[in-house]
Amino acid sequence: MIEFLRGSVHSIEDGYLVLESNKIGYIVNMISRELHTFYDNEEVFINIRFILREDGATLYGFKDSETRKFFDLLTTVSGIGPKLAMGILDGDDVDNIAKYILSKDEKSLTKLPGVGKKTAQRIIVELKDKVEKLDLSFKCEKDESLIFEKNEDPAVEALISLGYNVYDTKKSLEKVDASLDISERIKEALKLMG
């Protein structure tokens, strides 16, 4: 089994990147929101889930172990394979998906790619107890309150309102000069996020 890969980004394609590690190029399937945060020749650490099937072997990569844990959970649901699980994870942040499951928010789940009403119901029934027990770093709220802590930085709030997730937003803004005015910081962060 492969737990993780460390190496440099050789190229970024639609739905995957080629990671060069020890002079070997690995095709690593990733969700597009995470793919867009990488750059060619960047040294990276990627959490891996290796799936071996009759029709071949596939590597799925994740920037953090929490997303990989959630991928593992999703693939335990009947009717959800690795590709559909990746589509679901690409549709929203892991913490939001967990919130939908814990609050039995079937409507929000059906907005995720490939998830119909019956699949949403199966996800809730099969994963609610598991999500409650899962030790995820983002502490999920079990009520209807917002999943994210209130951000003091208005640039973070602005980028979230444009549809970017909290993790990518904060990471991008960390790389931007904090002395710039808010509109410039947002512009620079948007450039970094592609």
C-alpha atoms as a PDB file:
ATOM      1  CA  MET A   1       0.000   0.000   0.000  1.00  0.00           C
ATOM      2  CA  ILE A   2       1.023   3.606  -0.573  1.00  0.00           C
ATOM      3  CA  GLU A   3       0.322   6.036   2.278  1.00  0.00           C
ATOM      4  CA  PHE A   4       1.739   9.180   0.695  1.00  0.00           C
ATOM      5  CA  LEU A   5       4.007  10.463  -2.052  1.00  0.00           C
ATOM      6  CA  ARG A   6       6.504  13.286  -1.824  1.00  0.00           C
ATOM      7  CA  GLY A   7       7.973  14.758  -4.959  1.00  0.00           C
ATOM      8  CA  SER A   8       7.722  17.505  -7.541  1.00  0.00           C
ATOM      9  CA  VAL A   9       4.781  18.329  -9.770  1.00  0.00           C
ATOM     10  CA  HIS A  10       5.789  17.331 -13.306  1.00  0.00           C
ATOM     11  CA  SER A  11       2.536  18.455 -14.938  1.00  0.00           C
ATOM     12  CA  ILE A  12      -1.077  19.246 -14.118  1.00  0.00           C
ATOM     13  CA  GLU A  13      -3.805  17.849 -16.341  1.00  0.00           C
ATOM     14  CA  ASP A  14      -7.600  17.771 -16.239  1.00  0.00           C
ATOM     15  CA  GLY A  15      -8.477  15.762 -13.126  1.00  0.00           C
ATOM     16  CA  TYR A  16      -4.981  14.619 -12.240  1.00  0.00           C
ATOM     17  CA  LEU A  17      -1.364  15.586 -11.865  1.00  0.00           C
ATOM     18  CA  VAL A  18       1.824  13.745 -12.707  1.00  0.00           C
ATOM     19  CA  LEU A  19       4.042  13.602  -9.642  1.00  0.00           C
ATOM     20  CA  GLU A  20       7.725  12.841 -10.112  1.00  0.00           C
ATOM     21  CA  SER A  21       9.102  10.947  -7.143  1.00  0.00           C
ATOM     22  CA  ASN A  22      12.429   9.052  -7.202  1.00  0.00           C
ATOM     23  CA  LYS A  23      12.582   9.420 -11.008  1.00  0.00           C
ATOM     24  CA  ILE A  24       9.156   7.790 -11.449  1.00  0.00           C
ATOM     25  CA  GLY A  25       6.103   9.695 -12.730  1.00  0.00           C
ATOM     26  CA  TYR A  26       2.900   8.818 -10.872  1.00  0.00           C
ATOM     27  CA  ILE A  27      -0.544   9.747 -12.200  1.00  0.00           C
ATOM     28  CA  VAL A  28      -2.468  10.980  -9.149  1.00  0.00           C
ATOM     29  CA  ASN A  29      -6.188  11.710  -9.526  1.00  0.00           C
ATOM     30  CA  MET A  30      -7.254  14.724  -7.457  1.00  0.00           C
ATOM     31  CA  ILE A  31     -10.253  16.966  -6.984  1.00  0.00           C
ATOM     32  CA  SER A  32      -9.977  20.094  -9.128  1.00  0.00           C
ATOM     33  CA  ARG A  33     -10.169  22.520  -6.189  1.00  0.00           C
ATOM     34  CA  GLU A  34      -6.968  20.991  -4.838  1.00  0.00           C
ATOM     35  CA  LEU A  35      -5.308  20.609  -8.232  1.00  0.00           C
ATOM     36  CA  HIS A  36      -5.584  24.349  -8.860  1.00  0.00           C
ATOM     37  CA  THR A  37      -3.453  25.079  -5.791  1.00  0.00           C
ATOM     38  CA  PHE A  38      -0.378  23.337  -7.217  1.00  0.00           C
ATOM     39  CA  TYR A  39       2.270  24.679  -9.594  1.00  0.00           C
ATOM     40  CA  ASP A  40       4.611  22.924 -12.019  1.00  0.00           C
ATOM     41  CA  ASN A  41       7.911  21.888 -10.374  1.00  0.00           C
ATOM     42  CA  GLU A  42       6.514  22.579  -6.881  1.00  0.00           C
ATOM     43  CA  GLU A  43       7.675  20.164  -4.168  1.00  0.00           C
ATOM     44  CA  VAL A  44       4.564  18.610  -2.638  1.00  0.00           C
ATOM     45  CA  PHE A  45       3.377  16.030  -0.127  1.00  0.00           C
ATOM     46  CA  ILE A  46       0.205  14.173  -1.146  1.00  0.00           C
ATOM     47  CA  ASN A  47      -1.838  11.728   0.928  1.00  0.00           C
ATOM     48  CA  ILE A  48      -2.610   8.718  -1.258  1.00  0.00           C
ATOM     49  CA  ARG A  49      -5.338   6.127  -1.507  1.00  0.00           C
ATOM     50  CA  PHE A  50      -4.337   3.247  -3.787  1.00  0.00           C
ATOM     51  CA  ILE A  51      -7.297   1.434  -5.366  1.00  0.00           C
ATOM     52  CA  LEU A  52      -6.661  -1.891  -7.088  1.00  0.00           C
ATOM     53  CA  ARG A  53      -9.393  -3.289  -9.301  1.00  0.00           C
ATOM     54  CA  GLU A  54      -9.672  -5.870 -12.067  1.00  0.00           C
ATOM     55  CA  ASP A  55      -9.454  -3.161 -14.718  1.00  0.00           C
ATOM     56  CA  GLY A  56      -6.364  -1.483 -13.254  1.00  0.00           C
ATOM     57  CA  ALA A  57      -4.696   0.325 -10.389  1.00  0.00           C
ATOM     58  CA  THR A  58      -5.462   3.972  -9.594  1.00  0.00           C
ATOM     59  CA  LEU A  59      -3.925   6.512  -7.234  1.00  0.00           C
ATOM     60  CA  TYR A  60      -6.189   9.106  -5.628  1.00  0.00           C
ATOM     61  CA  GLY A  61      -4.460  12.020  -3.929  1.00  0.00           C
ATOM     62  CA  PHE A  62      -5.494  14.465  -1.211  1.00  0.00           C
ATOM     63  CA  LYS A  63      -3.805  17.505   0.302  1.00  0.00           C
ATOM     64  CA  ASP A  64      -4.880  16.522   3.808  1.00  0.00           C
ATOM     65  CA  SER A  65      -5.653  13.297   5.611  1.00  0.00           C
ATOM     66  CA  GLU A  66      -9.153  14.467   6.633  1.00  0.00           C
ATOM     67  CA  THR A  67     -10.263  14.608   2.996  1.00  0.00           C
ATOM     68  CA  ARG A  68      -8.813  11.150   2.426  1.00  0.00           C
ATOM     69  CA  LYS A  69     -10.704   9.832   5.476  1.00  0.00           C
ATOM     70  CA  PHE A  70     -13.889  11.249   4.024  1.00  0.00           C
ATOM     71  CA  PHE A  71     -13.142   9.679   0.634  1.00  0.00           C
ATOM     72  CA  ASP A  72     -12.762   6.334   2.414  1.00  0.00           C
ATOM     73  CA  LEU A  73     -16.100   6.865   4.174  1.00  0.00           C
ATOM     74  CA  LEU A  74     -17.929   7.790   0.974  1.00  0.00           C
ATOM     75  CA  THR A  75     -16.663   4.684  -0.827  1.00  0.00           C
ATOM     76  CA  THR A  76     -18.202   2.488   1.897  1.00  0.00           C
ATOM     77  CA  VAL A  77     -21.678   3.680   0.869  1.00  0.00           C
ATOM     78  CA  SER A  78     -23.403   1.214  -1.449  1.00  0.00           C
ATOM     79  CA  GLY A  79     -23.384   2.532  -5.002  1.00  0.00           C
ATOM     80  CA  ILE A  80     -20.555   5.033  -4.472  1.00  0.00           C
ATOM     81  CA  GLY A  81     -17.269   4.175  -6.137  1.00  0.00           C
ATOM     82  CA  PRO A  82     -14.010   6.151  -6.113  1.00  0.00           C
ATOM     83  CA  LYS A  83     -14.925   8.351  -9.116  1.00  0.00           C
ATOM     84  CA  LEU A  84     -18.288   9.374  -7.679  1.00  0.00           C
ATOM     85  CA  ALA A  85     -16.671   9.965  -4.269  1.00  0.00           C
ATOM     86  CA  MET A  86     -14.141  12.310  -5.919  1.00  0.00           C
ATOM     87  CA  GLY A  87     -16.977  14.118  -7.699  1.00  0.00           C
ATOM     88  CA  ILE A  88     -18.809  14.593  -4.406  1.00  0.00           C
ATOM     89  CA  LEU A  89     -15.675  15.929  -2.720  1.00  0.00           C
ATOM     90  CA  ASP A  90     -15.150  18.288  -5.644  1.00  0.00           C
ATOM     91  CA  GLY A  91     -18.671  19.620  -5.186  1.00  0.00           C
ATOM     92  CA  ASP A  92     -18.166  21.090  -1.710  1.00  0.00           C
ATOM     93  CA  ASP A  93     -15.810  21.271   1.262  1.00  0.00           C
ATOM     94  CA  VAL A  94     -15.505  18.201   3.458  1.00  0.00           C
ATOM     95  CA  ASP A  95     -16.718  20.141   6.488  1.00  0.00           C
ATOM     96  CA  ASN A  96     -19.863  21.253   4.657  1.00  0.00           C
ATOM     97  CA  ILE A  97     -20.563  17.702   3.454  1.00  0.00           C
ATOM     98  CA  ALA A  98     -20.157  16.451   7.027  1.00  0.00           C
ATOM     99  CA  LYS A  99     -22.569  19.138   8.209  1.00  0.00           C
ATOM    100  CA  TYR A 100     -25.152  18.057   5.608  1.00  0.00           C
ATOM    101  CA  ILE A 101     -24.878  14.455   6.802  1.00  0.00           C
ATOM    102  CA  LEU A 102     -25.084  15.293  10.505  1.00  0.00           C
ATOM    103  CA  SER A 103     -28.067  17.603  10.024  1.00  0.00           C
ATOM    104  CA  LYS A 104     -29.735  15.136   7.588  1.00  0.00           C
ATOM    105  CA  ASP A 105     -29.770  17.853   4.928  1.00  0.00           C
ATOM    106  CA  GLU A 106     -30.827  15.733   1.978  1.00  0.00           C
ATOM    107  CA  LYS A 107     -31.504  18.762  -0.233  1.00  0.00           C
ATOM    108  CA  SER A 108     -27.923  20.085   0.014  1.00  0.00           C
ATOM    109  CA  LEU A 109     -26.476  16.623  -0.651  1.00  0.00           C
ATOM    110  CA  THR A 110     -28.487  16.315  -3.872  1.00  0.00           C
ATOM    111  CA  LYS A 111     -26.749  19.452  -5.160  1.00  0.00           C
ATOM    112  CA  LEU A 112     -23.435  17.563  -5.191  1.00  0.00           C
ATOM    113  CA  PRO A 113     -22.328  16.012  -8.522  1.00  0.00           C
ATOM    114  CA  GLY A 114     -23.855  12.586  -9.166  1.00  0.00           C
ATOM    115  CA  VAL A 115     -25.971  12.563  -5.997  1.00  0.00           C
ATOM    116  CA  GLY A 116     -29.699  11.956  -6.451  1.00  0.00           C
ATOM    117  CA  LYS A 117     -32.329  11.693  -3.737  1.00  0.00           C
ATOM    118  CA  LYS A 118     -31.801   7.967  -3.082  1.00  0.00           C
ATOM    119  CA  THR A 119     -28.017   8.330  -2.949  1.00  0.00           C
ATOM    120  CA  ALA A 120     -28.358  11.264  -0.545  1.00  0.00           C
ATOM    121  CA  GLN A 121     -30.601   9.162   1.691  1.00  0.00           C
ATOM    122  CA  ARG A 122     -28.102   6.272   1.649  1.00  0.00           C
ATOM    123  CA  ILE A 123     -25.239   8.632   2.498  1.00  0.00           C
ATOM    124  CA  ILE A 124     -27.139   9.973   5.525  1.00  0.00           C
ATOM    125  CA  VAL A 125     -28.289   6.554   6.751  1.00  0.00           C
ATOM    126  CA  GLU A 126     -24.938   4.814   6.254  1.00  0.00           C
ATOM    127  CA  LEU A 127     -22.572   7.603   7.329  1.00  0.00           C
ATOM    128  CA  LYS A 128     -24.273   9.700  10.023  1.00  0.00           C
ATOM    129  CA  ASP A 129     -23.020   7.589  12.951  1.00  0.00           C
ATOM    130  CA  LYS A 130     -19.569   7.187  11.373  1.00  0.00           C
ATOM    131  CA  VAL A 131     -19.179  10.938  10.800  1.00  0.00           C
ATOM    132  CA  GLU A 132     -20.153  11.630  14.411  1.00  0.00           C
ATOM    133  CA  LYS A 133     -17.425   9.253  15.625  1.00  0.00           C
ATOM    134  CA  LEU A 134     -14.785  10.383  13.136  1.00  0.00           C
ATOM    135  CA  ASP A 135     -11.973  12.445  14.651  1.00  0.00           C
ATOM    136  CA  LEU A 136     -11.780  15.190  12.050  1.00  0.00           C
ATOM    137  CA  SER A 137      -9.753  18.336  12.678  1.00  0.00           C
ATOM    138  CA  PHE A 138     -12.597  20.663  11.630  1.00  0.00           C
ATOM    139  CA  LYS A 139     -15.084  20.084  14.520  1.00  0.00           C
ATOM    140  CA  CYS A 140     -18.462  19.628  12.802  1.00  0.00           C
ATOM    141  CA  GLU A 141     -21.452  21.405  14.249  1.00  0.00           C
ATOM    142  CA  LYS A 142     -24.507  19.214  14.780  1.00  0.00           C
ATOM    143  CA  ASP A 143     -26.953  22.108  14.710  1.00  0.00           C
ATOM    144  CA  GLU A 144     -27.915  24.614  12.033  1.00  0.00           C
ATOM    145  CA  SER A 145     -25.277  27.158  13.029  1.00  0.00           C
ATOM    146  CA  LEU A 146     -22.485  28.006  10.633  1.00  0.00           C
ATOM    147  CA  ILE A 147     -19.792  25.376  10.283  1.00  0.00           C
ATOM    148  CA  PHE A 148     -16.981  27.937  10.088  1.00  0.00           C
ATOM    149  CA  GLU A 149     -15.816  30.201  12.820  1.00  0.00           C
ATOM    150  CA  LYS A 150     -16.511  33.829  12.066  1.00  0.00           C
ATOM    151  CA  ASN A 151     -13.514  35.173  10.170  1.00  0.00           C
ATOM    152  CA  GLU A 152     -12.046  38.457  11.311  1.00  0.00           C
ATOM    153  CA  ASP A 153     -10.432  39.077   7.918  1.00  0.00           C
ATOM    154  CA  PRO A 154     -12.894  40.674   5.467  1.00  0.00           C
ATOM    155  CA  ALA A 155     -10.775  39.405   2.544  1.00  0.00           C
ATOM    156  CA  VAL A 156     -11.442  35.822   3.674  1.00  0.00           C
ATOM    157  CA  GLU A 157     -15.170  36.542   3.917  1.00  0.00           C
ATOM    158  CA  ALA A 158     -15.185  38.133   0.459  1.00  0.00           C
ATOM    159  CA  LEU A 159     -13.427  35.167  -1.170  1.00  0.00           C
ATOM    160  CA  ILE A 160     -15.718  32.668   0.567  1.00  0.00           C
ATOM    161  CA  SER A 161     -18.721  34.595  -0.755  1.00  0.00           C
ATOM    162  CA  LEU A 162     -17.257  34.154  -4.262  1.00  0.00           C
ATOM    163  CA  GLY A 163     -17.391  30.385  -3.772  1.00  0.00           C
ATOM    164  CA  TYR A 164     -13.841  29.587  -2.648  1.00  0.00           C
ATOM    165  CA  ASN A 165     -13.331  27.328   0.339  1.00  0.00           C
ATOM    166  CA  VAL A 166     -11.899  28.518   3.640  1.00  0.00           C
ATOM    167  CA  TYR A 167      -8.753  26.373   3.481  1.00  0.00           C
ATOM    168  CA  ASP A 168      -7.622  27.553   0.028  1.00  0.00           C
ATOM    169  CA  THR A 169      -8.635  31.130   0.793  1.00  0.00           C
ATOM    170  CA  LYS A 170      -6.585  31.365   3.974  1.00  0.00           C
ATOM    171  CA  LYS A 171      -3.580  29.606   2.429  1.00  0.00           C
ATOM    172  CA  SER A 172      -3.600  31.988  -0.561  1.00  0.00           C
ATOM    173  CA  LEU A 173      -3.974  35.099   1.589  1.00  0.00           C
ATOM    174  CA  GLU A 174      -1.024  33.982   3.732  1.00  0.00           C
ATOM    175  CA  LYS A 175       1.147  34.399   0.615  1.00  0.00           C
ATOM    176  CA  VAL A 176      -0.165  37.920  -0.082  1.00  0.00           C
ATOM    177  CA  ASP A 177       1.326  41.089   1.401  1.00  0.00           C
ATOM    178  CA  ALA A 178      -0.943  41.942   4.363  1.00  0.00           C
ATOM    179  CA  SER A 179      -0.163  45.667   4.020  1.00  0.00           C
ATOM    180  CA  LEU A 180      -2.047  45.883   0.697  1.00  0.00           C
ATOM    181  CA  ASP A 181      -5.586  47.224   0.758  1.00  0.00           C
ATOM    182  CA  ILE A 182      -8.395  44.657   0.779  1.00  0.00           C
ATOM    183  CA  SER A 183      -9.204  44.811  -2.940  1.00  0.00           C
ATOM    184  CA  GLU A 184      -5.547  44.268  -3.896  1.00  0.00           C
ATOM    185  CA  ARG A 185      -5.223  41.374  -1.443  1.00  0.00           C
ATOM    186  CA  ILE A 186      -8.321  39.750  -2.947  1.00  0.00           C
ATOM    187  CA  LYS A 187      -6.973  40.228  -6.510  1.00  0.00           C
ATOM    188  CA  GLU A 188      -3.622  38.676  -5.570  1.00  0.00           C
ATOM    189  CA  ALA A 189      -5.269  35.757  -3.782  1.00  0.00           C
ATOM    190  CA  LEU A 190      -7.491  35.119  -6.805  1.00  0.00           C
ATOM    191  CA  LYS A 191      -4.402  34.985  -9.036  1.00  0.00           C
ATOM    192  CA  LEU A 192      -2.800  32.418  -6.706  1.00  0.00           C
ATOM    193  CA  MET A 193      -5.926  30.265  -6.734  1.00  0.00           C
ATOM    194  CA  GLY A 194      -6.037  30.328 -10.518  1.00  0.00           C
END
